Protein backbone atom coordinates (compact mmCIF):
# COMPACT_ATOMS: atom_id res chain seq x y z
CA UNK A 1 71.20 -7.63 114.26
CA UNK A 2 71.44 -4.81 116.29
CA UNK A 3 75.59 -3.27 116.42
CA UNK A 4 76.67 -0.10 117.82
CA UNK A 5 80.42 0.72 116.37
CA UNK A 6 82.98 2.89 118.54
CA UNK A 7 85.65 4.39 117.89
CA UNK A 8 87.13 7.86 118.55
CA UNK A 9 86.52 10.31 115.68
CA UNK A 10 88.00 9.85 112.15
CA UNK A 11 88.43 5.71 112.63
CA UNK A 12 86.44 5.10 110.00
CA UNK A 13 82.85 4.35 111.72
CA UNK A 14 80.61 6.21 109.12
CA UNK A 15 82.43 4.84 106.27
CA UNK A 16 82.24 0.78 107.72
CA UNK A 17 78.76 1.49 108.43
CA UNK A 18 77.44 2.36 104.88
CA UNK A 19 78.95 -0.77 104.03
CA UNK A 20 77.44 -2.74 107.26
CA UNK A 21 73.99 -0.56 105.46
CA UNK A 22 74.65 -1.88 101.91
CA UNK A 23 75.57 -5.68 102.65
CA UNK A 24 72.91 -5.73 105.45
CA UNK A 25 70.24 -3.89 104.58
CA UNK A 26 69.35 -2.51 108.45
CA UNK A 27 69.35 1.41 108.79
CA UNK A 28 72.73 3.39 110.20
CA UNK A 29 71.15 5.77 113.10
CA UNK A 30 73.09 8.52 113.56
CA UNK A 31 72.18 11.26 116.03
CA UNK A 32 73.00 13.73 113.75
CA UNK A 33 70.71 12.52 110.85
CA UNK A 34 68.12 11.18 113.32
CA UNK A 35 67.54 15.07 115.31
CA UNK A 36 67.47 16.51 111.33
CA UNK A 37 64.65 14.21 110.41
CA UNK A 38 63.01 14.63 113.98
CA UNK A 39 62.94 18.76 113.41
CA UNK A 40 61.84 18.10 109.48
CA UNK A 41 59.01 15.90 110.64
CA UNK A 42 57.74 18.11 113.68
CA UNK A 43 57.41 14.89 115.63
CA UNK A 44 56.94 16.34 119.56
CA UNK A 45 60.12 15.55 120.22
CA UNK A 46 61.99 17.18 117.59
CA UNK A 47 59.78 20.35 118.07
CA UNK A 48 61.14 20.22 121.22
CA UNK A 49 64.55 19.64 119.91
CA UNK A 50 64.25 22.61 117.38
CA UNK A 51 63.67 25.38 120.28
CA UNK A 52 66.73 24.11 122.35
CA UNK A 53 69.23 24.32 118.97
CA UNK A 54 67.56 27.42 117.89
CA UNK A 55 68.43 28.89 121.57
CA UNK A 56 71.58 27.45 120.20
CA UNK A 57 72.38 25.74 123.06
CA UNK A 58 73.44 21.99 123.33
CA UNK A 59 70.13 18.78 122.91
CA UNK A 60 70.65 17.30 126.14
CA UNK A 61 70.18 13.55 126.36
CA UNK A 62 66.78 13.10 127.25
CA UNK A 63 66.08 14.57 124.01
CA UNK A 64 68.24 12.78 122.39
CA UNK A 65 67.65 9.76 123.81
CA UNK A 66 63.79 10.15 122.55
CA UNK A 67 64.24 10.82 119.17
CA UNK A 68 66.28 7.22 119.09
CA UNK A 69 63.72 5.85 120.57
CA UNK A 70 61.51 7.17 118.23
CA UNK A 71 63.61 6.07 115.48
CA UNK A 72 64.00 2.38 116.59
CA UNK A 73 59.99 1.99 116.75
CA UNK A 74 60.38 2.69 112.59
CA UNK A 75 59.60 -0.12 110.14
CA UNK A 76 62.82 -0.25 108.41
CA UNK A 77 64.53 -0.85 112.03
CA UNK A 78 62.60 -4.43 113.02
CA UNK A 79 65.21 -6.63 111.50
CA UNK A 80 67.97 -4.28 113.39
CA UNK A 81 70.12 -1.54 112.97
CA UNK A 82 73.51 -0.10 113.57
CA UNK A 83 74.42 2.94 116.24
CA UNK A 84 77.01 5.29 114.99
CA UNK A 85 77.78 8.44 117.06
CA UNK A 86 75.51 6.77 119.61
CA UNK A 87 75.68 6.50 122.71
CA UNK A 88 78.13 8.55 123.35
CA UNK A 89 78.28 8.98 127.15
CA UNK A 90 77.43 6.64 129.96
CA UNK A 91 73.99 7.66 131.03
CA UNK A 92 73.03 7.34 127.18
CA UNK A 93 73.98 3.63 127.26
CA UNK A 94 72.20 2.67 130.16
CA UNK A 95 69.31 5.03 128.35
CA UNK A 96 69.93 2.21 124.82
CA UNK A 97 70.41 -0.80 127.38
CA UNK A 98 66.53 0.49 129.16
CA UNK A 99 64.91 1.39 125.41
CA UNK A 100 65.74 -1.96 123.95
CA UNK A 101 64.78 -4.31 127.12
CA UNK A 102 61.49 -2.07 127.23
CA UNK A 103 60.94 -3.25 123.46
CA UNK A 104 61.97 -7.44 124.38
CA UNK A 105 64.97 -6.29 122.45
CA UNK A 106 68.77 -6.48 123.07
CA UNK A 107 72.22 -5.67 121.50
CA UNK A 108 74.04 -8.51 119.29
CA UNK A 109 77.49 -6.97 119.17
CA UNK A 110 79.64 -3.85 120.01
CA UNK A 111 82.85 -3.23 117.51
CA UNK A 112 85.29 -0.58 118.94
CA UNK A 113 87.52 0.75 115.89
CA UNK A 114 90.74 0.70 117.42
CA UNK A 115 93.57 3.47 116.57
CA UNK A 116 96.70 4.25 116.95
CA UNK A 117 95.69 8.46 117.73
CA UNK A 118 99.18 9.70 116.24
CA UNK A 119 98.38 8.00 113.51
CA UNK A 120 94.89 9.10 113.22
CA UNK A 121 95.94 12.89 113.17
CA UNK A 122 97.94 12.02 110.24
CA UNK A 123 95.12 10.51 108.59
CA UNK A 124 92.86 13.63 109.27
CA UNK A 125 95.72 16.03 108.20
CA UNK A 126 95.51 13.91 104.71
CA UNK A 127 92.07 14.26 104.23
CA UNK A 128 91.35 17.68 105.22
CA UNK A 129 94.78 18.24 102.34
CA UNK A 130 93.30 15.95 99.88
CA UNK A 131 89.01 17.47 100.52
CA UNK A 132 90.84 21.04 99.44
CA UNK A 133 93.26 19.65 96.95
CA UNK A 134 89.69 18.47 95.39
CA UNK A 135 88.25 22.15 95.17
CA UNK A 136 85.94 21.18 98.37
CA UNK A 137 84.92 22.91 101.79
CA UNK A 138 87.47 21.32 104.55
CA UNK A 139 84.10 19.52 107.59
CA UNK A 140 84.94 20.48 110.58
CA UNK A 141 85.20 18.23 111.85
CA UNK A 142 88.43 17.36 109.76
CA UNK A 143 90.19 20.60 110.35
CA UNK A 144 93.40 19.48 112.00
CA UNK A 145 93.73 22.65 114.20
CA UNK A 146 89.98 21.11 116.13
CA UNK A 147 90.69 16.93 115.60
CA UNK A 148 93.06 17.29 119.25
CA UNK A 149 90.20 18.99 120.91
CA UNK A 150 87.63 16.75 119.51
CA UNK A 151 90.07 13.55 120.18
CA UNK A 152 90.37 14.32 124.15
CA UNK A 153 86.79 15.02 124.28
CA UNK A 154 85.89 11.35 123.12
CA UNK A 155 88.69 9.69 125.45
CA UNK A 156 86.81 12.17 128.22
CA UNK A 157 83.34 11.15 127.51
CA UNK A 158 82.68 8.47 125.02
CA UNK A 159 86.20 5.71 125.67
CA UNK A 160 84.76 4.58 129.47
CA UNK A 161 82.27 2.77 126.87
CA UNK A 162 84.67 0.33 126.45
CA UNK A 163 85.12 -0.83 129.72
CA UNK A 164 81.23 -0.64 129.97
CA UNK A 165 80.29 -3.07 127.20
CA UNK A 166 82.99 -5.32 127.85
CA UNK A 167 82.24 -6.06 130.98
CA UNK A 168 78.62 -7.19 129.63
CA UNK A 169 80.30 -9.91 127.18
CA UNK A 170 79.76 -7.62 123.54
CA UNK A 171 82.57 -5.51 123.11
CA UNK A 172 85.22 -6.92 120.34
CA UNK A 173 88.02 -4.17 118.92
CA UNK A 174 89.13 -4.97 114.88
CA UNK A 175 91.78 -2.98 113.61
CA UNK A 176 90.55 0.34 112.34
CA UNK A 177 93.95 0.83 111.08
CA UNK A 178 94.27 -2.13 108.49
CA UNK A 179 92.77 -0.90 105.19
CA UNK A 180 89.24 -0.28 104.60
CA UNK A 181 89.01 -3.54 103.32
CA UNK A 182 90.03 -5.36 105.77
CA UNK A 183 88.50 -3.86 108.31
CA UNK A 184 85.69 -4.58 106.89
CA UNK A 185 86.45 -8.14 106.62
CA UNK A 186 87.59 -8.28 110.01
CA UNK A 187 83.59 -6.87 111.03
CA UNK A 188 82.06 -9.39 108.93
CA UNK A 189 84.10 -12.14 110.48
CA UNK A 190 82.71 -10.59 114.27
CA UNK A 191 79.09 -10.73 113.03
CA UNK A 192 79.31 -14.33 111.79
CA UNK A 193 80.51 -15.28 115.08
CA UNK A 194 77.83 -13.77 116.67
CA UNK A 195 75.17 -14.62 114.16
CA UNK A 196 76.13 -18.32 114.72
CA UNK A 197 76.08 -17.98 118.64
CA UNK A 198 72.51 -16.00 118.91
């Protein structure tokens, strides 16, 4: 099962990805983790990424795509994987398509967590308050002052992917505002249908 989780920051992709990992035994591939692992392993592409990051620059699509390609060739991805937070742009989506085609593989489904933006901003503010109340540092991503900018960035660059995957017949939306268990159940129902088709 090869799937992509789409949805704006705070939609719950990370939480659902973890549940999918536990239930289906396939790895969750997040670009941040993959970058850190490639840098730590000092792979050729990891060293390239390190040089760019050390210079305080953003890692290019070419480097990110190469790191993803390297990762999906690893043994634990043989039975499938979950892409979370990648692809972020149409160019990256094209790169994923090419990567899989080159390997004789295909995407099974793209699941979009559909959310209400206003409610999402409230959800993030609550999460930040709860984290502070627990005496933990608030993730930079969860700073209510920064969040609206992240949301705008998502709609500018990543939201066009919904149309891209819809046109390919791969997109299914689930209600990301439902309770966590309900979202999980809805995702499992989608995967059941995909499995039955495949």
